[in-house]
Amino acid sequence: QVQVVESGGRSVQAGGSLRLSCAASGRTFSSNFMGWFRQAPGKEREFVGAIMWSGGDTYYADFVKGRFTVSGDGAKNSVYLQLNSLKLEDTAVYYCAADSGGTYRYKPISVTGSYTYWGQGTLVTVST
């Protein structure tokens, strides 16, 4: 059974920084890419950023605008999200996700349907 577990969410003041961590485990687990999504109250889940293990390329949503950084270690099935210059509107539950692995076939990395495994989420609250 595959498990995806996020950690690091907490309350932080606007302008502050935070680092989220995610680790995936399971005897059969493998992935081509892992990503971060977020969901604010009353809103749909949206793409934040992701990393492709082959080549290490990273991808971001437009609203990130250099404030967030995705990094990871494919050998450890771990991905991180560094959040800087946090704004009130960054308040959300942040989810980590991974694709199903295997032979890579193109999937749009910013779409929830491209991911098979999801964590339970970690809450980030930004306040004044």
N, C-alpha and C. Protein backbone atom coordinates (compact mmCIF):
# COMPACT_ATOMS: atom_id res chain seq x y z
N GLN A 1 0.84 -1.19 0.00
CA GLN A 1 0.00 0.00 0.00
C GLN A 1 0.88 1.25 0.00
N VAL A 2 0.52 2.20 -0.83
CA VAL A 2 1.30 3.44 -0.94
C VAL A 2 0.76 4.47 0.04
N GLN A 3 1.69 5.13 0.70
CA GLN A 3 1.32 6.23 1.59
C GLN A 3 2.05 7.48 1.18
N VAL A 4 1.34 8.58 1.19
CA VAL A 4 1.93 9.89 0.92
C VAL A 4 1.61 10.76 2.12
N VAL A 5 2.65 11.29 2.75
CA VAL A 5 2.46 12.03 3.99
C VAL A 5 3.14 13.39 3.90
N GLU A 6 2.34 14.43 4.11
CA GLU A 6 2.88 15.79 4.13
C GLU A 6 3.12 16.22 5.57
N SER A 7 4.00 17.19 5.73
CA SER A 7 4.22 17.79 7.05
C SER A 7 4.75 19.20 6.86
N GLY A 8 4.70 19.96 7.94
CA GLY A 8 5.28 21.29 7.93
C GLY A 8 4.28 22.43 7.93
N GLY A 9 3.02 22.15 7.73
CA GLY A 9 2.03 23.21 7.73
C GLY A 9 1.83 23.79 9.13
N ARG A 10 1.63 25.10 9.18
CA ARG A 10 1.38 25.77 10.46
C ARG A 10 0.91 27.18 10.18
N SER A 11 0.68 27.94 11.23
CA SER A 11 0.31 29.34 11.09
C SER A 11 1.57 30.18 10.96
N VAL A 12 1.51 31.16 10.08
CA VAL A 12 2.66 32.02 9.84
C VAL A 12 2.16 33.42 9.49
N GLN A 13 2.95 34.41 9.81
CA GLN A 13 2.56 35.77 9.48
C GLN A 13 2.82 36.09 8.02
N ALA A 14 2.04 37.00 7.49
CA ALA A 14 2.24 37.44 6.11
C ALA A 14 3.67 37.94 5.94
N GLY A 15 4.26 37.56 4.82
CA GLY A 15 5.65 37.90 4.55
C GLY A 15 6.64 36.86 5.02
N GLY A 16 6.16 35.92 5.81
CA GLY A 16 7.04 34.89 6.35
C GLY A 16 7.29 33.76 5.39
N SER A 17 8.02 32.76 5.88
CA SER A 17 8.40 31.61 5.07
C SER A 17 8.05 30.31 5.79
N LEU A 18 7.97 29.27 4.98
CA LEU A 18 7.60 27.96 5.50
C LEU A 18 8.13 26.91 4.54
N ARG A 19 8.47 25.75 5.07
CA ARG A 19 8.90 24.65 4.21
C ARG A 19 8.04 23.43 4.49
N LEU A 20 7.39 22.97 3.44
CA LEU A 20 6.58 21.76 3.53
C LEU A 20 7.38 20.57 3.02
N SER A 21 7.15 19.43 3.65
CA SER A 21 7.83 18.21 3.24
C SER A 21 6.80 17.14 2.90
N CYS A 22 7.19 16.25 2.03
CA CYS A 22 6.31 15.15 1.65
C CYS A 22 7.16 13.92 1.37
N ALA A 23 6.70 12.80 1.90
CA ALA A 23 7.39 11.54 1.64
C ALA A 23 6.39 10.49 1.23
N ALA A 24 6.74 9.77 0.18
CA ALA A 24 5.90 8.67 -0.29
C ALA A 24 6.59 7.35 0.03
N SER A 25 5.81 6.36 0.37
CA SER A 25 6.38 5.06 0.71
C SER A 25 5.44 3.95 0.28
N GLY A 26 6.01 2.78 0.19
CA GLY A 26 5.23 1.62 -0.23
C GLY A 26 6.10 0.70 -1.05
N ARG A 27 5.93 -0.56 -0.86
CA ARG A 27 6.82 -1.53 -1.51
C ARG A 27 6.80 -1.40 -3.02
N THR A 28 5.66 -1.08 -3.57
CA THR A 28 5.53 -1.01 -5.03
C THR A 28 5.58 0.41 -5.57
N PHE A 29 5.86 1.37 -4.70
CA PHE A 29 5.77 2.76 -5.16
C PHE A 29 6.89 3.14 -6.09
N SER A 30 6.53 3.84 -7.15
CA SER A 30 7.49 4.51 -8.01
C SER A 30 6.76 5.68 -8.64
N SER A 31 7.50 6.67 -9.09
CA SER A 31 6.84 7.82 -9.71
C SER A 31 7.75 8.44 -10.74
N ASN A 32 7.15 9.11 -11.70
CA ASN A 32 7.89 9.92 -12.67
C ASN A 32 7.92 11.38 -12.24
N PHE A 33 6.89 11.79 -11.50
CA PHE A 33 6.88 13.16 -11.01
C PHE A 33 6.04 13.25 -9.75
N MET A 34 6.32 14.25 -8.95
CA MET A 34 5.55 14.55 -7.74
C MET A 34 5.25 16.04 -7.73
N GLY A 35 4.12 16.38 -7.16
CA GLY A 35 3.72 17.76 -7.19
C GLY A 35 2.99 18.21 -5.95
N TRP A 36 2.72 19.50 -5.93
CA TRP A 36 1.98 20.13 -4.84
C TRP A 36 0.75 20.84 -5.40
N PHE A 37 -0.34 20.66 -4.72
CA PHE A 37 -1.57 21.36 -5.02
C PHE A 37 -2.04 22.02 -3.73
N ARG A 38 -2.99 22.93 -3.85
CA ARG A 38 -3.56 23.52 -2.65
C ARG A 38 -5.05 23.76 -2.86
N GLN A 39 -5.75 23.82 -1.74
CA GLN A 39 -7.18 24.08 -1.79
C GLN A 39 -7.57 25.00 -0.65
N ALA A 40 -8.03 26.18 -1.03
CA ALA A 40 -8.50 27.15 -0.06
C ALA A 40 -9.98 26.90 0.23
N PRO A 41 -10.47 27.37 1.35
CA PRO A 41 -11.89 27.17 1.69
C PRO A 41 -12.80 27.70 0.60
N GLY A 42 -13.72 26.87 0.16
CA GLY A 42 -14.69 27.28 -0.84
C GLY A 42 -14.16 27.34 -2.26
N LYS A 43 -12.92 26.91 -2.46
CA LYS A 43 -12.32 26.96 -3.80
C LYS A 43 -11.90 25.57 -4.26
N GLU A 44 -11.67 25.46 -5.56
CA GLU A 44 -11.23 24.19 -6.12
C GLU A 44 -9.73 23.99 -5.84
N ARG A 45 -9.35 22.74 -5.86
CA ARG A 45 -7.94 22.42 -5.70
C ARG A 45 -7.16 22.93 -6.92
N GLU A 46 -6.02 23.58 -6.67
CA GLU A 46 -5.25 24.15 -7.76
C GLU A 46 -3.79 23.73 -7.70
N PHE A 47 -3.19 23.67 -8.85
CA PHE A 47 -1.80 23.30 -9.00
C PHE A 47 -0.89 24.38 -8.43
N VAL A 48 0.17 23.97 -7.72
CA VAL A 48 1.16 24.90 -7.20
C VAL A 48 2.49 24.71 -7.92
N GLY A 49 3.01 23.50 -7.89
CA GLY A 49 4.29 23.23 -8.53
C GLY A 49 4.57 21.74 -8.52
N ALA A 50 5.55 21.33 -9.33
CA ALA A 50 5.88 19.92 -9.43
C ALA A 50 7.30 19.74 -9.91
N ILE A 51 7.81 18.53 -9.74
CA ILE A 51 9.16 18.20 -10.17
C ILE A 51 9.14 16.88 -10.92
N MET A 52 9.83 16.85 -12.05
CA MET A 52 10.02 15.63 -12.82
C MET A 52 11.32 15.00 -12.34
N TRP A 53 11.30 13.72 -12.01
CA TRP A 53 12.51 13.11 -11.50
C TRP A 53 13.57 12.97 -12.59
N SER A 54 13.15 12.66 -13.80
CA SER A 54 14.11 12.56 -14.89
C SER A 54 14.45 13.96 -15.38
N GLY A 55 15.65 14.39 -15.12
CA GLY A 55 16.08 15.73 -15.53
C GLY A 55 15.94 16.78 -14.45
N GLY A 56 15.06 16.53 -13.47
CA GLY A 56 14.90 17.47 -12.37
C GLY A 56 14.17 18.75 -12.71
N ASP A 57 13.50 18.79 -13.85
CA ASP A 57 12.77 20.01 -14.22
C ASP A 57 11.64 20.28 -13.24
N THR A 58 11.43 21.56 -12.96
CA THR A 58 10.35 21.97 -12.08
C THR A 58 9.36 22.84 -12.86
N TYR A 59 8.12 22.83 -12.40
CA TYR A 59 7.04 23.54 -13.05
C TYR A 59 6.22 24.25 -11.98
N TYR A 60 5.71 25.42 -12.33
CA TYR A 60 4.99 26.21 -11.33
C TYR A 60 3.74 26.84 -11.92
N ALA A 61 2.79 27.08 -11.03
CA ALA A 61 1.62 27.86 -11.42
C ALA A 61 2.05 29.31 -11.56
N ASP A 62 1.31 30.04 -12.38
CA ASP A 62 1.67 31.44 -12.63
C ASP A 62 1.65 32.27 -11.35
N PHE A 63 0.74 31.97 -10.43
CA PHE A 63 0.62 32.82 -9.25
C PHE A 63 1.82 32.69 -8.32
N VAL A 64 2.63 31.66 -8.50
CA VAL A 64 3.80 31.46 -7.64
C VAL A 64 4.78 32.62 -7.80
N LYS A 65 5.03 33.02 -9.04
CA LYS A 65 5.85 34.20 -9.37
C LYS A 65 7.16 34.26 -8.59
N GLY A 66 7.86 33.15 -8.52
CA GLY A 66 9.16 33.14 -7.87
C GLY A 66 9.13 33.05 -6.36
N ARG A 67 7.96 33.00 -5.75
CA ARG A 67 7.89 32.96 -4.29
C ARG A 67 8.07 31.55 -3.74
N PHE A 68 7.68 30.55 -4.51
CA PHE A 68 7.74 29.17 -4.04
C PHE A 68 8.77 28.39 -4.83
N THR A 69 9.36 27.39 -4.19
CA THR A 69 10.34 26.54 -4.86
C THR A 69 10.07 25.08 -4.52
N VAL A 70 9.98 24.26 -5.57
CA VAL A 70 9.83 22.82 -5.40
C VAL A 70 11.19 22.16 -5.55
N SER A 71 11.49 21.27 -4.65
CA SER A 71 12.72 20.48 -4.76
C SER A 71 12.41 19.08 -4.29
N GLY A 72 13.35 18.18 -4.48
CA GLY A 72 13.06 16.82 -4.06
C GLY A 72 14.21 15.87 -4.26
N ASP A 73 14.00 14.69 -3.79
CA ASP A 73 14.97 13.61 -3.92
C ASP A 73 14.22 12.38 -4.41
N GLY A 74 14.39 12.08 -5.69
CA GLY A 74 13.66 10.96 -6.26
C GLY A 74 14.03 9.63 -5.63
N ALA A 75 15.27 9.48 -5.23
CA ALA A 75 15.72 8.23 -4.62
C ALA A 75 15.03 8.00 -3.28
N LYS A 76 14.64 9.09 -2.62
CA LYS A 76 13.97 8.99 -1.33
C LYS A 76 12.46 9.19 -1.45
N ASN A 77 11.99 9.37 -2.69
CA ASN A 77 10.55 9.61 -2.90
C ASN A 77 10.05 10.76 -2.04
N SER A 78 10.85 11.80 -1.99
CA SER A 78 10.51 12.95 -1.15
C SER A 78 10.51 14.22 -1.97
N VAL A 79 9.58 15.09 -1.67
CA VAL A 79 9.48 16.37 -2.36
C VAL A 79 9.22 17.45 -1.31
N TYR A 80 9.71 18.65 -1.59
CA TYR A 80 9.61 19.75 -0.65
C TYR A 80 9.04 20.97 -1.36
N LEU A 81 8.41 21.82 -0.59
CA LEU A 81 7.88 23.07 -1.12
C LEU A 81 8.29 24.19 -0.18
N GLN A 82 9.18 25.05 -0.66
CA GLN A 82 9.60 26.22 0.10
C GLN A 82 8.68 27.37 -0.25
N LEU A 83 8.04 27.91 0.75
CA LEU A 83 7.10 29.01 0.57
C LEU A 83 7.71 30.27 1.16
N ASN A 84 7.92 31.27 0.34
CA ASN A 84 8.47 32.55 0.80
C ASN A 84 7.49 33.68 0.50
N SER A 85 7.68 34.79 1.19
CA SER A 85 6.85 35.98 0.96
C SER A 85 5.37 35.62 0.98
N LEU A 86 4.96 34.89 2.00
CA LEU A 86 3.59 34.39 2.06
C LEU A 86 2.58 35.51 2.17
N LYS A 87 1.46 35.31 1.49
CA LYS A 87 0.37 36.27 1.48
C LYS A 87 -0.85 35.64 2.13
N LEU A 88 -1.79 36.51 2.52
CA LEU A 88 -3.02 35.99 3.14
C LEU A 88 -3.71 34.98 2.22
N GLU A 89 -3.68 35.24 0.93
CA GLU A 89 -4.36 34.37 -0.02
C GLU A 89 -3.66 33.03 -0.23
N ASP A 90 -2.52 32.84 0.39
CA ASP A 90 -1.85 31.54 0.32
C ASP A 90 -2.40 30.56 1.37
N THR A 91 -3.29 31.05 2.21
CA THR A 91 -3.92 30.18 3.20
C THR A 91 -4.69 29.07 2.50
N ALA A 92 -4.36 27.83 2.82
CA ALA A 92 -4.99 26.69 2.15
C ALA A 92 -4.46 25.40 2.77
N VAL A 93 -5.13 24.32 2.42
CA VAL A 93 -4.57 23.00 2.69
C VAL A 93 -3.69 22.64 1.49
N TYR A 94 -2.47 22.30 1.76
CA TYR A 94 -1.52 21.94 0.71
C TYR A 94 -1.40 20.43 0.63
N TYR A 95 -1.57 19.93 -0.59
CA TYR A 95 -1.54 18.50 -0.83
C TYR A 95 -0.33 18.11 -1.67
N CYS A 96 0.26 17.00 -1.32
CA CYS A 96 1.33 16.41 -2.11
C CYS A 96 0.74 15.25 -2.91
N ALA A 97 1.25 15.06 -4.11
CA ALA A 97 0.72 13.99 -4.96
C ALA A 97 1.82 13.41 -5.83
N ALA A 98 1.59 12.19 -6.28
CA ALA A 98 2.56 11.51 -7.15
C ALA A 98 1.82 10.78 -8.26
N ASP A 99 2.48 10.65 -9.39
CA ASP A 99 1.85 9.88 -10.47
C ASP A 99 2.06 8.40 -10.21
N SER A 100 1.60 7.58 -11.11
CA SER A 100 1.61 6.13 -10.89
C SER A 100 2.92 5.46 -11.27
N GLY A 101 3.89 6.22 -11.78
CA GLY A 101 5.18 5.64 -12.12
C GLY A 101 5.11 4.79 -13.38
N GLY A 102 6.09 3.90 -13.53
CA GLY A 102 6.13 3.06 -14.72
C GLY A 102 6.72 3.81 -15.90
N THR A 103 6.56 3.22 -17.08
CA THR A 103 7.07 3.86 -18.29
C THR A 103 6.38 5.20 -18.48
N TYR A 104 7.19 6.25 -18.64
CA TYR A 104 6.60 7.59 -18.70
C TYR A 104 5.88 7.80 -20.02
N ARG A 105 4.67 8.24 -19.90
CA ARG A 105 3.91 8.74 -21.04
C ARG A 105 3.41 10.11 -20.65
N TYR A 106 3.40 11.00 -21.62
CA TYR A 106 3.09 12.38 -21.29
C TYR A 106 1.75 12.51 -20.55
N LYS A 107 1.80 13.25 -19.45
CA LYS A 107 0.59 13.65 -18.74
C LYS A 107 0.78 15.11 -18.36
N PRO A 108 -0.26 15.90 -18.46
CA PRO A 108 -0.13 17.31 -18.06
C PRO A 108 0.13 17.39 -16.57
N ILE A 109 1.25 17.95 -16.20
CA ILE A 109 1.72 17.89 -14.83
C ILE A 109 0.92 18.78 -13.89
N SER A 110 0.14 19.70 -14.42
CA SER A 110 -0.61 20.64 -13.59
C SER A 110 -2.05 20.20 -13.35
N VAL A 111 -2.39 19.03 -13.81
CA VAL A 111 -3.77 18.55 -13.72
C VAL A 111 -3.90 17.49 -12.64
N THR A 112 -4.91 17.60 -11.81
CA THR A 112 -5.07 16.62 -10.72
C THR A 112 -5.22 15.20 -11.24
N GLY A 113 -5.85 15.04 -12.37
CA GLY A 113 -6.07 13.71 -12.92
C GLY A 113 -4.80 12.98 -13.34
N SER A 114 -3.69 13.69 -13.42
CA SER A 114 -2.42 13.06 -13.79
C SER A 114 -1.75 12.38 -12.60
N TYR A 115 -2.31 12.58 -11.43
CA TYR A 115 -1.72 12.05 -10.20
C TYR A 115 -2.57 10.90 -9.67
N THR A 116 -1.89 9.89 -9.16
CA THR A 116 -2.58 8.72 -8.64
C THR A 116 -2.63 8.68 -7.12
N TYR A 117 -1.55 9.12 -6.51
CA TYR A 117 -1.44 9.02 -5.04
C TYR A 117 -1.46 10.41 -4.43
N TRP A 118 -2.24 10.55 -3.37
CA TRP A 118 -2.43 11.84 -2.71
C TRP A 118 -2.23 11.70 -1.21
N GLY A 119 -1.67 12.75 -0.62
CA GLY A 119 -1.59 12.81 0.82
C GLY A 119 -2.88 13.39 1.40
N GLN A 120 -2.92 13.47 2.70
CA GLN A 120 -4.10 13.98 3.40
C GLN A 120 -4.10 15.50 3.49
N GLY A 121 -2.97 16.11 3.20
CA GLY A 121 -2.89 17.56 3.22
C GLY A 121 -2.33 18.11 4.52
N THR A 122 -1.75 19.28 4.42
CA THR A 122 -1.23 19.98 5.60
C THR A 122 -1.67 21.43 5.51
N LEU A 123 -2.19 21.96 6.61
CA LEU A 123 -2.80 23.29 6.59
C LEU A 123 -1.77 24.39 6.79
N VAL A 124 -1.80 25.35 5.90
CA VAL A 124 -0.99 26.56 6.02
C VAL A 124 -1.94 27.73 6.22
N THR A 125 -1.76 28.44 7.31
CA THR A 125 -2.59 29.60 7.60
C THR A 125 -1.70 30.83 7.67
N VAL A 126 -1.99 31.80 6.83
CA VAL A 126 -1.23 33.05 6.80
C VAL A 126 -2.09 34.15 7.40
N SER A 127 -1.54 34.85 8.36
CA SER A 127 -2.30 35.89 9.05
C SER A 127 -1.49 37.18 9.13
N THR A 128 -2.19 38.26 9.47
CA THR A 128 -1.51 39.56 9.61
C THR A 128 -0.91 39.68 10.99
